[in-house]
Amino acid sequence: MSDGPFDTTFQVGEIVDAEPFEEARTEALVKLEINLGEEIVHSAAQLGFNYEIDELPGRQVLCATNLGTVQIADFTSEALTIGVPDEDGNPVLVAPDSAVPLGGELY
């Protein structure tokens, strides 16, 4: 992954694993493992308000990649899982409305 924002790409990934982020200070934070087709990346996302952990694996999501990494407690987040706020300000995942190949880039 690149260290600069100018190389940012938005790719489709599939969540392969999700678990509560109990060490985090932010409420509802979830650790995600996301398959981008060519690679697996990790992402921390505040999804606990709108999603149950066990319903996340298998979902396609849109991720911003090449942003660098962020260390949160003992977890390294390598991609930003994209969401938009609902009426309460809680994230709702952005995803294609039908299955697409993993790693596909937004254009």
N, C-alpha and C. Protein backbone atom coordinates (compact mmCIF):
# COMPACT_ATOMS: atom_id res chain seq x y z
N MET A 1 0.83 -1.18 0.00
CA MET A 1 0.00 0.00 0.00
C MET A 1 0.87 1.24 0.00
N SER A 2 0.40 2.27 -0.62
CA SER A 2 1.10 3.53 -0.70
C SER A 2 0.90 4.33 0.58
N ASP A 3 1.74 5.33 0.79
CA ASP A 3 1.62 6.17 1.97
C ASP A 3 0.90 7.48 1.69
N GLY A 4 0.48 7.74 0.47
CA GLY A 4 -0.10 9.03 0.15
C GLY A 4 -1.55 8.96 -0.26
N PRO A 5 -2.29 10.05 -0.02
CA PRO A 5 -3.72 10.07 -0.36
C PRO A 5 -3.99 10.15 -1.86
N PHE A 6 -2.98 10.51 -2.66
CA PHE A 6 -3.21 10.67 -4.09
C PHE A 6 -3.27 9.35 -4.84
N ASP A 7 -2.87 8.27 -4.18
CA ASP A 7 -2.92 6.96 -4.78
C ASP A 7 -4.12 6.17 -4.30
N THR A 8 -5.05 6.83 -3.63
CA THR A 8 -6.20 6.14 -3.07
C THR A 8 -7.05 5.54 -4.17
N THR A 9 -7.43 4.28 -3.96
CA THR A 9 -8.38 3.62 -4.84
C THR A 9 -9.53 3.12 -3.99
N PHE A 10 -10.66 2.95 -4.62
CA PHE A 10 -11.83 2.40 -3.96
C PHE A 10 -12.09 1.05 -4.60
N GLN A 11 -12.04 -0.01 -3.79
CA GLN A 11 -12.17 -1.36 -4.30
C GLN A 11 -13.29 -2.11 -3.58
N VAL A 12 -13.87 -3.06 -4.31
CA VAL A 12 -14.87 -3.94 -3.73
C VAL A 12 -14.16 -5.09 -3.03
N GLY A 13 -14.59 -5.35 -1.82
CA GLY A 13 -14.06 -6.48 -1.07
C GLY A 13 -15.20 -7.26 -0.44
N GLU A 14 -14.86 -8.44 0.06
CA GLU A 14 -15.84 -9.25 0.78
C GLU A 14 -15.33 -9.47 2.20
N ILE A 15 -16.17 -9.19 3.16
CA ILE A 15 -15.81 -9.41 4.55
C ILE A 15 -15.73 -10.91 4.78
N VAL A 16 -14.55 -11.38 5.21
CA VAL A 16 -14.38 -12.81 5.48
C VAL A 16 -14.41 -13.11 6.97
N ASP A 17 -14.14 -12.10 7.79
CA ASP A 17 -14.19 -12.29 9.24
C ASP A 17 -14.49 -10.97 9.91
N ALA A 18 -15.25 -11.04 10.99
CA ALA A 18 -15.59 -9.86 11.79
C ALA A 18 -15.60 -10.26 13.25
N GLU A 19 -15.04 -9.39 14.09
CA GLU A 19 -15.07 -9.67 15.52
C GLU A 19 -15.14 -8.35 16.29
N PRO A 20 -15.70 -8.39 17.47
CA PRO A 20 -15.78 -7.17 18.28
C PRO A 20 -14.37 -6.66 18.58
N PHE A 21 -14.24 -5.35 18.67
CA PHE A 21 -12.97 -4.72 18.99
C PHE A 21 -13.04 -4.24 20.43
N GLU A 22 -12.87 -5.18 21.32
CA GLU A 22 -13.07 -4.91 22.74
C GLU A 22 -12.01 -3.98 23.33
N GLU A 23 -10.81 -3.93 22.74
CA GLU A 23 -9.74 -3.08 23.25
C GLU A 23 -9.92 -1.61 22.87
N ALA A 24 -10.78 -1.33 21.90
CA ALA A 24 -10.95 0.04 21.40
C ALA A 24 -11.74 0.89 22.38
N ARG A 25 -11.46 2.17 22.34
CA ARG A 25 -12.18 3.13 23.18
C ARG A 25 -13.48 3.58 22.54
N THR A 26 -13.58 3.41 21.23
CA THR A 26 -14.77 3.84 20.49
C THR A 26 -15.83 2.75 20.55
N GLU A 27 -17.04 3.13 20.94
CA GLU A 27 -18.14 2.17 21.03
C GLU A 27 -18.50 1.62 19.65
N ALA A 28 -18.84 0.35 19.61
CA ALA A 28 -19.34 -0.34 18.41
C ALA A 28 -18.28 -0.57 17.33
N LEU A 29 -17.01 -0.42 17.66
CA LEU A 29 -15.95 -0.66 16.68
C LEU A 29 -15.80 -2.17 16.45
N VAL A 30 -15.59 -2.54 15.19
CA VAL A 30 -15.50 -3.93 14.78
C VAL A 30 -14.20 -4.13 13.99
N LYS A 31 -13.51 -5.24 14.24
CA LYS A 31 -12.34 -5.62 13.45
C LYS A 31 -12.83 -6.43 12.25
N LEU A 32 -12.40 -6.04 11.05
CA LEU A 32 -12.81 -6.73 9.83
C LEU A 32 -11.59 -7.27 9.09
N GLU A 33 -11.75 -8.43 8.50
CA GLU A 33 -10.79 -8.98 7.55
C GLU A 33 -11.51 -9.00 6.21
N ILE A 34 -10.94 -8.34 5.20
CA ILE A 34 -11.63 -8.13 3.93
C ILE A 34 -10.78 -8.68 2.78
N ASN A 35 -11.39 -9.52 1.95
CA ASN A 35 -10.75 -10.08 0.77
C ASN A 35 -10.97 -9.13 -0.41
N LEU A 36 -9.86 -8.59 -0.93
CA LEU A 36 -9.94 -7.71 -2.10
C LEU A 36 -9.61 -8.44 -3.40
N GLY A 37 -9.59 -9.75 -3.34
CA GLY A 37 -9.28 -10.56 -4.53
C GLY A 37 -7.81 -10.90 -4.59
N GLU A 38 -6.95 -9.91 -4.72
CA GLU A 38 -5.50 -10.12 -4.80
C GLU A 38 -4.85 -10.12 -3.42
N GLU A 39 -5.53 -9.58 -2.42
CA GLU A 39 -4.96 -9.50 -1.08
C GLU A 39 -6.06 -9.44 -0.03
N ILE A 40 -5.66 -9.76 1.19
CA ILE A 40 -6.54 -9.64 2.35
C ILE A 40 -6.08 -8.43 3.14
N VAL A 41 -7.00 -7.54 3.51
CA VAL A 41 -6.66 -6.38 4.31
C VAL A 41 -7.50 -6.38 5.58
N HIS A 42 -7.06 -5.60 6.55
CA HIS A 42 -7.76 -5.46 7.81
C HIS A 42 -8.29 -4.03 7.92
N SER A 43 -9.45 -3.91 8.53
CA SER A 43 -10.09 -2.60 8.68
C SER A 43 -10.84 -2.56 10.00
N ALA A 44 -10.80 -1.43 10.65
CA ALA A 44 -11.62 -1.21 11.84
C ALA A 44 -12.75 -0.28 11.43
N ALA A 45 -13.97 -0.67 11.75
CA ALA A 45 -15.13 0.12 11.33
C ALA A 45 -16.15 0.18 12.46
N GLN A 46 -16.79 1.32 12.59
CA GLN A 46 -17.79 1.51 13.64
C GLN A 46 -19.15 1.05 13.12
N LEU A 47 -19.37 -0.26 13.18
CA LEU A 47 -20.57 -0.86 12.57
C LEU A 47 -21.52 -1.48 13.58
N GLY A 48 -21.15 -1.54 14.82
CA GLY A 48 -21.94 -2.25 15.82
C GLY A 48 -23.32 -1.71 16.08
N PHE A 49 -23.60 -0.49 15.66
CA PHE A 49 -24.93 0.07 15.88
C PHE A 49 -25.96 -0.45 14.88
N ASN A 50 -25.53 -0.75 13.66
CA ASN A 50 -26.46 -1.15 12.61
C ASN A 50 -26.31 -2.60 12.15
N TYR A 51 -25.29 -3.31 12.61
CA TYR A 51 -25.03 -4.66 12.13
C TYR A 51 -24.68 -5.58 13.29
N GLU A 52 -25.12 -6.82 13.19
CA GLU A 52 -24.70 -7.86 14.10
C GLU A 52 -23.40 -8.44 13.54
N ILE A 53 -22.46 -8.74 14.41
CA ILE A 53 -21.15 -9.26 13.98
C ILE A 53 -21.30 -10.47 13.06
N ASP A 54 -22.18 -11.39 13.41
CA ASP A 54 -22.29 -12.63 12.64
C ASP A 54 -22.96 -12.45 11.28
N GLU A 55 -23.54 -11.29 10.99
CA GLU A 55 -24.14 -11.07 9.67
C GLU A 55 -23.18 -10.36 8.70
N LEU A 56 -22.00 -9.98 9.17
CA LEU A 56 -21.05 -9.26 8.32
C LEU A 56 -20.27 -10.15 7.35
N PRO A 57 -19.74 -11.32 7.79
CA PRO A 57 -19.01 -12.16 6.83
C PRO A 57 -19.87 -12.53 5.62
N GLY A 58 -19.25 -12.43 4.44
CA GLY A 58 -19.96 -12.73 3.19
C GLY A 58 -20.50 -11.49 2.51
N ARG A 59 -20.54 -10.36 3.18
CA ARG A 59 -21.04 -9.11 2.58
C ARG A 59 -19.97 -8.46 1.74
N GLN A 60 -20.35 -7.96 0.58
CA GLN A 60 -19.44 -7.14 -0.21
C GLN A 60 -19.52 -5.71 0.31
N VAL A 61 -18.36 -5.04 0.32
CA VAL A 61 -18.27 -3.66 0.79
C VAL A 61 -17.32 -2.89 -0.10
N LEU A 62 -17.40 -1.59 -0.02
CA LEU A 62 -16.49 -0.72 -0.74
C LEU A 62 -15.43 -0.24 0.24
N CYS A 63 -14.15 -0.32 -0.16
CA CYS A 63 -13.05 0.07 0.72
C CYS A 63 -12.16 1.08 0.01
N ALA A 64 -11.67 2.06 0.77
CA ALA A 64 -10.62 2.95 0.28
C ALA A 64 -9.30 2.31 0.66
N THR A 65 -8.44 2.11 -0.32
CA THR A 65 -7.15 1.48 -0.08
C THR A 65 -6.04 2.46 -0.43
N ASN A 66 -4.82 2.09 -0.10
CA ASN A 66 -3.64 2.92 -0.35
C ASN A 66 -3.64 4.21 0.46
N LEU A 67 -4.26 4.17 1.63
CA LEU A 67 -4.27 5.35 2.51
C LEU A 67 -3.15 5.29 3.55
N GLY A 68 -2.42 4.19 3.58
CA GLY A 68 -1.47 3.96 4.65
C GLY A 68 -2.17 3.15 5.73
N THR A 69 -1.55 3.06 6.88
CA THR A 69 -2.12 2.27 7.97
C THR A 69 -2.40 3.15 9.17
N VAL A 70 -3.31 2.67 10.02
CA VAL A 70 -3.63 3.34 11.28
C VAL A 70 -3.56 2.28 12.37
N GLN A 71 -2.83 2.58 13.43
CA GLN A 71 -2.72 1.66 14.56
C GLN A 71 -3.77 2.04 15.59
N ILE A 72 -4.64 1.08 15.93
CA ILE A 72 -5.66 1.27 16.96
C ILE A 72 -5.46 0.15 17.97
N ALA A 73 -4.97 0.51 19.16
CA ALA A 73 -4.61 -0.47 20.18
C ALA A 73 -3.62 -1.45 19.54
N ASP A 74 -3.91 -2.75 19.55
CA ASP A 74 -2.99 -3.74 18.98
C ASP A 74 -3.36 -4.15 17.56
N PHE A 75 -4.22 -3.38 16.91
CA PHE A 75 -4.76 -3.72 15.59
C PHE A 75 -4.29 -2.70 14.56
N THR A 76 -3.83 -3.18 13.40
CA THR A 76 -3.43 -2.30 12.31
C THR A 76 -4.51 -2.29 11.24
N SER A 77 -5.10 -1.13 11.02
CA SER A 77 -6.14 -0.97 10.00
C SER A 77 -5.46 -0.52 8.71
N GLU A 78 -5.69 -1.30 7.63
CA GLU A 78 -5.02 -1.06 6.35
C GLU A 78 -5.93 -0.49 5.27
N ALA A 79 -7.21 -0.44 5.53
CA ALA A 79 -8.18 0.05 4.56
C ALA A 79 -9.32 0.73 5.30
N LEU A 80 -9.97 1.63 4.64
CA LEU A 80 -11.12 2.33 5.21
C LEU A 80 -12.39 1.74 4.60
N THR A 81 -13.21 1.12 5.43
CA THR A 81 -14.48 0.57 4.95
C THR A 81 -15.45 1.74 4.81
N ILE A 82 -16.05 1.89 3.64
CA ILE A 82 -16.86 3.07 3.32
C ILE A 82 -18.30 2.88 3.78
N GLY A 83 -18.82 3.91 4.43
CA GLY A 83 -20.21 3.93 4.87
C GLY A 83 -20.75 5.34 4.79
N VAL A 84 -22.03 5.45 4.92
CA VAL A 84 -22.70 6.76 4.98
C VAL A 84 -23.58 6.76 6.23
N PRO A 85 -23.83 7.93 6.82
CA PRO A 85 -24.61 7.95 8.05
C PRO A 85 -26.10 7.75 7.82
N ASP A 86 -26.72 7.01 8.75
CA ASP A 86 -28.18 6.90 8.74
C ASP A 86 -28.75 8.12 9.45
N GLU A 87 -30.05 8.13 9.71
CA GLU A 87 -30.69 9.29 10.32
C GLU A 87 -30.19 9.58 11.73
N ASP A 88 -29.55 8.59 12.38
CA ASP A 88 -28.98 8.78 13.72
C ASP A 88 -27.48 9.06 13.67
N GLY A 89 -26.91 9.11 12.47
CA GLY A 89 -25.49 9.36 12.32
C GLY A 89 -24.62 8.12 12.41
N ASN A 90 -25.23 6.94 12.43
CA ASN A 90 -24.48 5.69 12.50
C ASN A 90 -24.20 5.16 11.10
N PRO A 91 -23.00 4.59 10.87
CA PRO A 91 -22.62 4.15 9.53
C PRO A 91 -23.47 3.01 8.97
N VAL A 92 -23.79 3.16 7.68
CA VAL A 92 -24.42 2.12 6.87
C VAL A 92 -23.43 1.82 5.75
N LEU A 93 -23.11 0.56 5.56
CA LEU A 93 -22.11 0.17 4.56
C LEU A 93 -22.51 0.55 3.14
N VAL A 94 -21.52 0.96 2.35
CA VAL A 94 -21.70 1.20 0.92
C VAL A 94 -21.24 -0.06 0.20
N ALA A 95 -22.09 -0.59 -0.68
CA ALA A 95 -21.79 -1.84 -1.37
C ALA A 95 -22.49 -1.86 -2.72
N PRO A 96 -21.97 -2.67 -3.66
CA PRO A 96 -22.69 -2.82 -4.93
C PRO A 96 -24.04 -3.49 -4.68
N ASP A 97 -25.02 -3.20 -5.54
CA ASP A 97 -26.35 -3.78 -5.34
C ASP A 97 -26.50 -5.17 -5.95
N SER A 98 -25.45 -5.66 -6.58
CA SER A 98 -25.38 -7.06 -7.00
C SER A 98 -23.92 -7.50 -6.91
N ALA A 99 -23.68 -8.80 -6.86
CA ALA A 99 -22.33 -9.32 -6.70
C ALA A 99 -21.45 -8.91 -7.87
N VAL A 100 -20.24 -8.47 -7.54
CA VAL A 100 -19.25 -8.07 -8.55
C VAL A 100 -17.92 -8.73 -8.19
N PRO A 101 -16.97 -8.80 -9.12
CA PRO A 101 -15.68 -9.42 -8.81
C PRO A 101 -14.94 -8.66 -7.70
N LEU A 102 -14.31 -9.42 -6.81
CA LEU A 102 -13.54 -8.82 -5.73
C LEU A 102 -12.35 -8.05 -6.29
N GLY A 103 -12.08 -6.90 -5.69
CA GLY A 103 -10.97 -6.06 -6.13
C GLY A 103 -11.35 -5.06 -7.19
N GLY A 104 -12.57 -5.16 -7.72
CA GLY A 104 -13.01 -4.21 -8.73
C GLY A 104 -12.94 -2.80 -8.20
N GLU A 105 -12.46 -1.88 -9.05
CA GLU A 105 -12.28 -0.49 -8.64
C GLU A 105 -13.46 0.38 -9.04
N LEU A 106 -13.79 1.30 -8.17
CA LEU A 106 -14.82 2.30 -8.44
C LEU A 106 -14.32 3.25 -9.53
N TYR A 107 -15.17 3.50 -10.51
CA TYR A 107 -14.82 4.50 -11.54
C TYR A 107 -16.04 5.28 -11.93
